Amino acid sequence: MTSATTNWRQRVRDSANRVGLPRFWRWWIGELAPLLPGISRAALQRRFARPVIELSNGQALFWRPEINNGTARLSVTETVALTGDPAAVLGAGRAAVARLAANASGVSRRPKSSSRSTLGRCSAKSCRYRPRSRKI
């Protein structure tokens, strides 16, 4: 069953590419984007902006999206040399990724454990969530 679904999806994807649907969709979105208000357009750009790590010539470049005057551009924030002591390179790379993640714009997510721990501590008056009693 899985292979039939995969084959069907692949055929639909191939057909859409042959007809030019992805190219049309990019064009259509490009035509509609100027009609959005500036605040909405900037919010969409911020939402879909992602940091980039580029590996080239023995170094790793860390690019971060920045939005200035409504236009999104990538700027280099960190450079880590990939030559030398492997432990030092690993430490520098992890630190750069941590700084990049700390400064990244976008949706912040809570750790998975925080929602469970706070739900368990709610009192009946302060929380809408009420665990059901289990019958054994």
N, C-alpha and C. Protein backbone atom coordinates (compact mmCIF):
# COMPACT_ATOMS: atom_id res chain seq x y z
N MET A 1 0.82 -1.18 0.00
CA MET A 1 0.00 0.00 0.00
C MET A 1 0.86 1.25 0.00
N THR A 2 1.95 1.23 0.77
CA THR A 2 2.82 2.39 0.86
C THR A 2 3.49 2.68 -0.48
N SER A 3 3.93 1.64 -1.17
CA SER A 3 4.59 1.86 -2.46
C SER A 3 3.61 2.40 -3.50
N ALA A 4 2.36 1.99 -3.44
CA ALA A 4 1.36 2.51 -4.37
C ALA A 4 1.11 3.99 -4.12
N THR A 5 1.05 4.38 -2.85
CA THR A 5 0.86 5.79 -2.51
C THR A 5 2.07 6.61 -2.93
N THR A 6 3.26 6.06 -2.69
CA THR A 6 4.48 6.76 -3.07
C THR A 6 4.55 6.92 -4.58
N ASN A 7 4.23 5.87 -5.32
CA ASN A 7 4.24 5.95 -6.78
C ASN A 7 3.23 6.97 -7.28
N TRP A 8 2.05 7.01 -6.67
CA TRP A 8 1.03 7.96 -7.08
C TRP A 8 1.48 9.39 -6.83
N ARG A 9 2.06 9.62 -5.64
CA ARG A 9 2.56 10.96 -5.32
C ARG A 9 3.66 11.38 -6.28
N GLN A 10 4.56 10.46 -6.58
CA GLN A 10 5.66 10.77 -7.50
C GLN A 10 5.13 11.09 -8.89
N ARG A 11 4.11 10.35 -9.35
CA ARG A 11 3.53 10.64 -10.68
C ARG A 11 2.87 12.01 -10.71
N VAL A 12 2.15 12.36 -9.62
CA VAL A 12 1.52 13.68 -9.56
C VAL A 12 2.57 14.77 -9.54
N ARG A 13 3.64 14.58 -8.76
CA ARG A 13 4.72 15.56 -8.69
C ARG A 13 5.40 15.72 -10.05
N ASP A 14 5.67 14.61 -10.72
CA ASP A 14 6.31 14.68 -12.04
C ASP A 14 5.41 15.37 -13.05
N SER A 15 4.12 15.07 -13.01
CA SER A 15 3.18 15.70 -13.93
C SER A 15 3.11 17.21 -13.69
N ALA A 16 3.07 17.62 -12.43
CA ALA A 16 3.02 19.05 -12.11
C ALA A 16 4.28 19.75 -12.58
N ASN A 17 5.43 19.10 -12.42
CA ASN A 17 6.69 19.71 -12.89
C ASN A 17 6.73 19.82 -14.40
N ARG A 18 6.21 18.79 -15.10
CA ARG A 18 6.21 18.83 -16.57
C ARG A 18 5.33 19.95 -17.09
N VAL A 19 4.19 20.15 -16.44
CA VAL A 19 3.25 21.18 -16.87
C VAL A 19 3.77 22.58 -16.52
N GLY A 20 4.64 22.68 -15.50
CA GLY A 20 5.17 23.96 -15.08
C GLY A 20 4.43 24.58 -13.92
N LEU A 21 3.74 23.78 -13.14
CA LEU A 21 2.97 24.30 -12.02
C LEU A 21 3.83 24.99 -10.96
N PRO A 22 4.98 24.45 -10.56
CA PRO A 22 5.79 25.17 -9.56
C PRO A 22 6.25 26.55 -10.05
N ARG A 23 6.63 26.62 -11.32
CA ARG A 23 7.06 27.91 -11.89
C ARG A 23 5.89 28.89 -11.91
N PHE A 24 4.71 28.40 -12.29
CA PHE A 24 3.52 29.25 -12.29
C PHE A 24 3.21 29.72 -10.88
N TRP A 25 3.29 28.84 -9.89
CA TRP A 25 2.98 29.20 -8.52
C TRP A 25 3.92 30.29 -8.01
N ARG A 26 5.24 30.17 -8.29
CA ARG A 26 6.19 31.20 -7.88
C ARG A 26 5.86 32.54 -8.54
N TRP A 27 5.49 32.51 -9.82
CA TRP A 27 5.12 33.74 -10.52
C TRP A 27 3.87 34.36 -9.90
N TRP A 28 2.86 33.53 -9.63
CA TRP A 28 1.60 34.02 -9.09
C TRP A 28 1.79 34.63 -7.70
N ILE A 29 2.58 33.97 -6.86
CA ILE A 29 2.87 34.52 -5.54
C ILE A 29 3.64 35.83 -5.67
N GLY A 30 4.55 35.92 -6.63
CA GLY A 30 5.29 37.16 -6.87
C GLY A 30 4.38 38.29 -7.32
N GLU A 31 3.32 37.96 -8.05
CA GLU A 31 2.37 38.98 -8.47
C GLU A 31 1.47 39.43 -7.33
N LEU A 32 1.11 38.49 -6.44
CA LEU A 32 0.21 38.82 -5.34
C LEU A 32 0.93 39.49 -4.16
N ALA A 33 2.21 39.23 -3.99
CA ALA A 33 2.94 39.75 -2.83
C ALA A 33 2.88 41.28 -2.71
N PRO A 34 3.02 42.04 -3.80
CA PRO A 34 2.96 43.50 -3.65
C PRO A 34 1.59 44.01 -3.20
N LEU A 35 0.55 43.21 -3.32
CA LEU A 35 -0.78 43.63 -2.91
C LEU A 35 -0.99 43.53 -1.41
N LEU A 36 -0.12 42.79 -0.71
CA LEU A 36 -0.22 42.67 0.74
C LEU A 36 0.24 43.96 1.40
N PRO A 37 -0.34 44.30 2.52
CA PRO A 37 0.18 45.45 3.28
C PRO A 37 1.61 45.19 3.73
N GLY A 38 2.38 46.23 3.91
CA GLY A 38 3.79 46.09 4.25
C GLY A 38 4.04 45.31 5.53
N ILE A 39 3.18 45.50 6.52
CA ILE A 39 3.36 44.80 7.79
C ILE A 39 3.18 43.29 7.60
N SER A 40 2.18 42.90 6.83
CA SER A 40 1.94 41.48 6.58
C SER A 40 3.06 40.87 5.75
N ARG A 41 3.53 41.62 4.75
CA ARG A 41 4.62 41.13 3.91
C ARG A 41 5.89 40.93 4.74
N ALA A 42 6.20 41.88 5.62
CA ALA A 42 7.39 41.75 6.48
C ALA A 42 7.24 40.59 7.44
N ALA A 43 6.03 40.38 7.96
CA ALA A 43 5.80 39.25 8.87
C ALA A 43 6.02 37.92 8.16
N LEU A 44 5.55 37.81 6.93
CA LEU A 44 5.78 36.58 6.15
C LEU A 44 7.25 36.37 5.87
N GLN A 45 7.96 37.43 5.53
CA GLN A 45 9.39 37.30 5.27
C GLN A 45 10.13 36.85 6.52
N ARG A 46 9.77 37.43 7.67
CA ARG A 46 10.41 37.02 8.92
C ARG A 46 10.10 35.57 9.25
N ARG A 47 8.88 35.16 8.99
CA ARG A 47 8.47 33.80 9.32
C ARG A 47 9.22 32.75 8.50
N PHE A 48 9.45 33.05 7.25
CA PHE A 48 10.09 32.05 6.38
C PHE A 48 11.59 32.25 6.25
N ALA A 49 12.15 33.24 6.91
CA ALA A 49 13.60 33.45 6.87
C ALA A 49 14.27 32.41 7.74
N ARG A 50 15.30 31.79 7.22
CA ARG A 50 16.03 30.75 7.94
C ARG A 50 17.52 31.06 7.93
N PRO A 51 18.21 30.73 9.02
CA PRO A 51 19.67 30.86 9.00
C PRO A 51 20.28 29.81 8.08
N VAL A 52 21.47 30.11 7.55
CA VAL A 52 22.13 29.22 6.60
C VAL A 52 23.55 28.98 7.08
N ILE A 53 24.01 27.73 6.97
CA ILE A 53 25.40 27.39 7.26
C ILE A 53 26.03 26.95 5.94
N GLU A 54 27.07 27.67 5.53
CA GLU A 54 27.75 27.38 4.26
C GLU A 54 29.13 26.81 4.56
N LEU A 55 29.42 25.65 4.00
CA LEU A 55 30.73 25.02 4.16
C LEU A 55 31.53 25.24 2.89
N SER A 56 32.69 25.93 3.02
CA SER A 56 33.50 26.18 1.84
C SER A 56 34.94 26.48 2.24
N ASN A 57 35.88 25.96 1.47
CA ASN A 57 37.31 26.26 1.62
C ASN A 57 37.83 26.14 3.05
N GLY A 58 37.49 25.07 3.72
CA GLY A 58 38.01 24.84 5.06
C GLY A 58 37.41 25.72 6.14
N GLN A 59 36.27 26.31 5.87
CA GLN A 59 35.62 27.13 6.88
C GLN A 59 34.11 27.00 6.78
N ALA A 60 33.45 27.32 7.86
CA ALA A 60 31.99 27.32 7.88
C ALA A 60 31.54 28.76 8.10
N LEU A 61 30.68 29.23 7.22
CA LEU A 61 30.12 30.58 7.32
C LEU A 61 28.68 30.46 7.82
N PHE A 62 28.35 31.23 8.82
CA PHE A 62 27.01 31.23 9.37
C PHE A 62 26.32 32.52 8.95
N TRP A 63 25.25 32.37 8.16
CA TRP A 63 24.49 33.50 7.64
C TRP A 63 23.19 33.63 8.42
N ARG A 64 22.82 34.85 8.75
CA ARG A 64 21.57 35.10 9.45
C ARG A 64 20.72 36.07 8.64
N PRO A 65 19.44 35.79 8.48
CA PRO A 65 18.58 36.72 7.76
C PRO A 65 18.33 37.99 8.57
N GLU A 66 18.41 39.12 7.91
CA GLU A 66 18.10 40.40 8.53
C GLU A 66 17.10 41.12 7.66
N ILE A 67 16.14 41.77 8.28
CA ILE A 67 15.12 42.50 7.53
C ILE A 67 15.31 43.98 7.79
N ASN A 68 15.63 44.71 6.74
CA ASN A 68 15.80 46.15 6.82
C ASN A 68 14.91 46.82 5.78
N ASN A 69 14.08 47.73 6.21
CA ASN A 69 13.18 48.47 5.32
C ASN A 69 12.30 47.53 4.49
N GLY A 70 11.88 46.43 5.08
CA GLY A 70 10.97 45.52 4.41
C GLY A 70 11.63 44.53 3.47
N THR A 71 12.96 44.53 3.33
CA THR A 71 13.63 43.57 2.47
C THR A 71 14.50 42.64 3.32
N ALA A 72 14.47 41.38 3.01
CA ALA A 72 15.24 40.38 3.74
C ALA A 72 16.56 40.14 3.02
N ARG A 73 17.65 40.14 3.78
CA ARG A 73 18.98 39.86 3.24
C ARG A 73 19.73 38.99 4.22
N LEU A 74 20.65 38.20 3.70
CA LEU A 74 21.49 37.36 4.54
C LEU A 74 22.79 38.09 4.83
N SER A 75 23.25 38.02 6.07
CA SER A 75 24.54 38.61 6.42
C SER A 75 25.34 37.59 7.22
N VAL A 76 26.66 37.60 7.04
CA VAL A 76 27.53 36.66 7.74
C VAL A 76 27.66 37.10 9.19
N THR A 77 27.36 36.19 10.11
CA THR A 77 27.47 36.51 11.53
C THR A 77 28.65 35.81 12.19
N GLU A 78 29.02 34.64 11.70
CA GLU A 78 30.10 33.86 12.30
C GLU A 78 30.91 33.19 11.21
N THR A 79 32.19 32.99 11.48
CA THR A 79 33.06 32.20 10.61
C THR A 79 33.85 31.27 11.51
N VAL A 80 33.81 29.98 11.20
CA VAL A 80 34.53 28.98 12.00
C VAL A 80 35.47 28.23 11.08
N ALA A 81 36.77 28.20 11.43
CA ALA A 81 37.75 27.44 10.66
C ALA A 81 37.56 25.96 10.94
N LEU A 82 37.58 25.16 9.88
CA LEU A 82 37.36 23.71 10.01
C LEU A 82 38.66 22.94 10.06
N THR A 83 39.78 23.62 10.17
CA THR A 83 41.07 22.96 10.26
C THR A 83 41.60 23.13 11.68
N GLY A 84 42.43 22.18 12.11
CA GLY A 84 43.01 22.25 13.44
C GLY A 84 42.51 21.12 14.30
N ASP A 85 42.56 21.34 15.60
CA ASP A 85 42.16 20.33 16.57
C ASP A 85 40.66 20.04 16.45
N PRO A 86 40.29 18.77 16.23
CA PRO A 86 38.86 18.44 16.06
C PRO A 86 37.99 18.87 17.24
N ALA A 87 38.49 18.74 18.46
CA ALA A 87 37.69 19.13 19.62
C ALA A 87 37.44 20.64 19.64
N ALA A 88 38.48 21.41 19.27
CA ALA A 88 38.32 22.87 19.24
C ALA A 88 37.35 23.29 18.14
N VAL A 89 37.45 22.63 16.98
CA VAL A 89 36.55 22.94 15.87
C VAL A 89 35.11 22.60 16.26
N LEU A 90 34.93 21.45 16.90
CA LEU A 90 33.59 21.05 17.34
C LEU A 90 33.02 22.04 18.35
N GLY A 91 33.84 22.44 19.30
CA GLY A 91 33.38 23.41 20.30
C GLY A 91 33.03 24.76 19.68
N ALA A 92 33.86 25.24 18.76
CA ALA A 92 33.59 26.52 18.10
C ALA A 92 32.33 26.43 17.25
N GLY A 93 32.15 25.31 16.57
CA GLY A 93 30.95 25.13 15.74
C GLY A 93 29.68 25.08 16.58
N ARG A 94 29.72 24.36 17.67
CA ARG A 94 28.55 24.28 18.54
C ARG A 94 28.22 25.64 19.15
N ALA A 95 29.25 26.39 19.54
CA ALA A 95 29.02 27.72 20.11
C ALA A 95 28.41 28.66 19.07
N ALA A 96 28.90 28.57 17.83
CA ALA A 96 28.37 29.42 16.76
C ALA A 96 26.91 29.09 16.47
N VAL A 97 26.59 27.81 16.44
CA VAL A 97 25.20 27.40 16.20
C VAL A 97 24.31 27.85 17.35
N ALA A 98 24.81 27.75 18.57
CA ALA A 98 24.02 28.19 19.72
C ALA A 98 23.75 29.70 19.65
N ARG A 99 24.78 30.49 19.29
CA ARG A 99 24.57 31.94 19.16
C ARG A 99 23.62 32.26 18.02
N LEU A 100 23.73 31.52 16.92
CA LEU A 100 22.85 31.75 15.79
C LEU A 100 21.41 31.41 16.15
N ALA A 101 21.20 30.32 16.88
CA ALA A 101 19.85 29.94 17.29
C ALA A 101 19.28 30.92 18.31
N ALA A 102 20.14 31.45 19.18
CA ALA A 102 19.66 32.39 20.19
C ALA A 102 19.22 33.71 19.56
N ASN A 103 19.85 34.10 18.47
CA ASN A 103 19.53 35.37 17.81
C ASN A 103 18.56 35.21 16.66
N ALA A 104 18.10 33.99 16.39
CA ALA A 104 17.23 33.75 15.24
C ALA A 104 15.86 34.34 15.49
N SER A 105 15.31 34.95 14.45
CA SER A 105 13.94 35.45 14.56
C SER A 105 13.00 34.34 14.14
N GLY A 106 11.78 34.43 14.53
CA GLY A 106 10.81 33.42 14.16
C GLY A 106 9.99 33.00 15.35
N VAL A 107 9.39 31.86 15.23
CA VAL A 107 8.51 31.36 16.27
C VAL A 107 9.35 30.68 17.33
N SER A 108 9.19 31.10 18.57
CA SER A 108 9.89 30.42 19.65
C SER A 108 9.02 29.29 20.15
N ARG A 109 9.67 28.20 20.43
CA ARG A 109 8.93 27.02 20.89
C ARG A 109 9.35 26.70 22.31
N ARG A 110 8.39 26.29 23.12
CA ARG A 110 8.70 25.87 24.47
C ARG A 110 9.27 24.47 24.43
N PRO A 111 10.07 24.13 25.40
CA PRO A 111 10.49 22.73 25.50
C PRO A 111 9.29 21.84 25.71
N LYS A 112 9.38 20.62 25.24
CA LYS A 112 8.25 19.70 25.34
C LYS A 112 7.85 19.44 26.79
N SER A 113 8.81 19.42 27.68
CA SER A 113 8.50 19.07 29.06
C SER A 113 7.78 20.19 29.80
N SER A 114 7.91 21.44 29.35
CA SER A 114 7.34 22.54 30.13
C SER A 114 5.81 22.50 30.14
N SER A 115 5.19 22.13 29.03
CA SER A 115 3.73 22.13 29.02
C SER A 115 3.18 21.05 29.94
N ARG A 116 3.83 19.91 30.00
CA ARG A 116 3.34 18.85 30.88
C ARG A 116 3.53 19.21 32.34
N SER A 117 4.67 19.81 32.66
CA SER A 117 4.91 20.11 34.07
C SER A 117 3.98 21.21 34.56
N THR A 118 3.67 22.19 33.72
CA THR A 118 2.79 23.26 34.17
C THR A 118 1.35 22.79 34.24
N LEU A 119 0.95 21.89 33.37
CA LEU A 119 -0.42 21.39 33.43
C LEU A 119 -0.65 20.58 34.69
N GLY A 120 0.35 19.86 35.12
CA GLY A 120 0.20 19.05 36.31
C GLY A 120 0.11 19.89 37.57
N ARG A 121 0.65 21.12 37.55
CA ARG A 121 0.68 21.97 38.73
C ARG A 121 -0.48 22.95 38.79
N CYS A 122 -1.36 22.95 37.83
CA CYS A 122 -2.48 23.89 37.84
C CYS A 122 -3.44 23.54 38.96
N SER A 123 -3.92 24.58 39.62
CA SER A 123 -4.96 24.34 40.61
C SER A 123 -6.30 24.36 39.90
N ALA A 124 -7.31 23.91 40.55
CA ALA A 124 -8.63 23.83 39.93
C ALA A 124 -9.16 25.21 39.57
N LYS A 125 -8.79 26.24 40.32
CA LYS A 125 -9.28 27.58 40.05
C LYS A 125 -8.51 28.28 38.95
N SER A 126 -7.20 28.00 38.82
CA SER A 126 -6.37 28.77 37.90
C SER A 126 -6.17 28.10 36.55
N CYS A 127 -6.66 26.93 36.36
CA CYS A 127 -6.37 26.22 35.12
C CYS A 127 -7.64 25.58 34.57
N ARG A 128 -7.80 25.66 33.28
CA ARG A 128 -8.96 25.03 32.65
C ARG A 128 -8.79 23.53 32.50
N TYR A 129 -7.53 23.11 32.45
CA TYR A 129 -7.25 21.69 32.27
C TYR A 129 -7.51 20.95 33.56
N ARG A 130 -8.34 19.95 33.51
CA ARG A 130 -8.60 19.11 34.67
C ARG A 130 -8.39 17.66 34.24
N PRO A 131 -7.38 17.04 34.81
CA PRO A 131 -7.15 15.64 34.44
C PRO A 131 -8.31 14.76 34.88
N ARG A 132 -8.64 13.82 34.04
CA ARG A 132 -9.72 12.89 34.37
C ARG A 132 -9.20 11.87 35.36
N SER A 133 -10.07 11.48 36.26
CA SER A 133 -9.65 10.45 37.21
C SER A 133 -9.71 9.11 36.48
N ARG A 134 -8.74 8.32 36.77
CA ARG A 134 -8.65 7.01 36.10
C ARG A 134 -9.34 5.97 36.95
N LYS A 135 -10.15 5.19 36.29
CA LYS A 135 -10.81 4.08 37.00
C LYS A 135 -9.99 2.83 36.79
N ILE A 136 -9.69 2.18 37.88
CA ILE A 136 -8.86 0.99 37.78
C ILE A 136 -9.69 -0.23 38.01
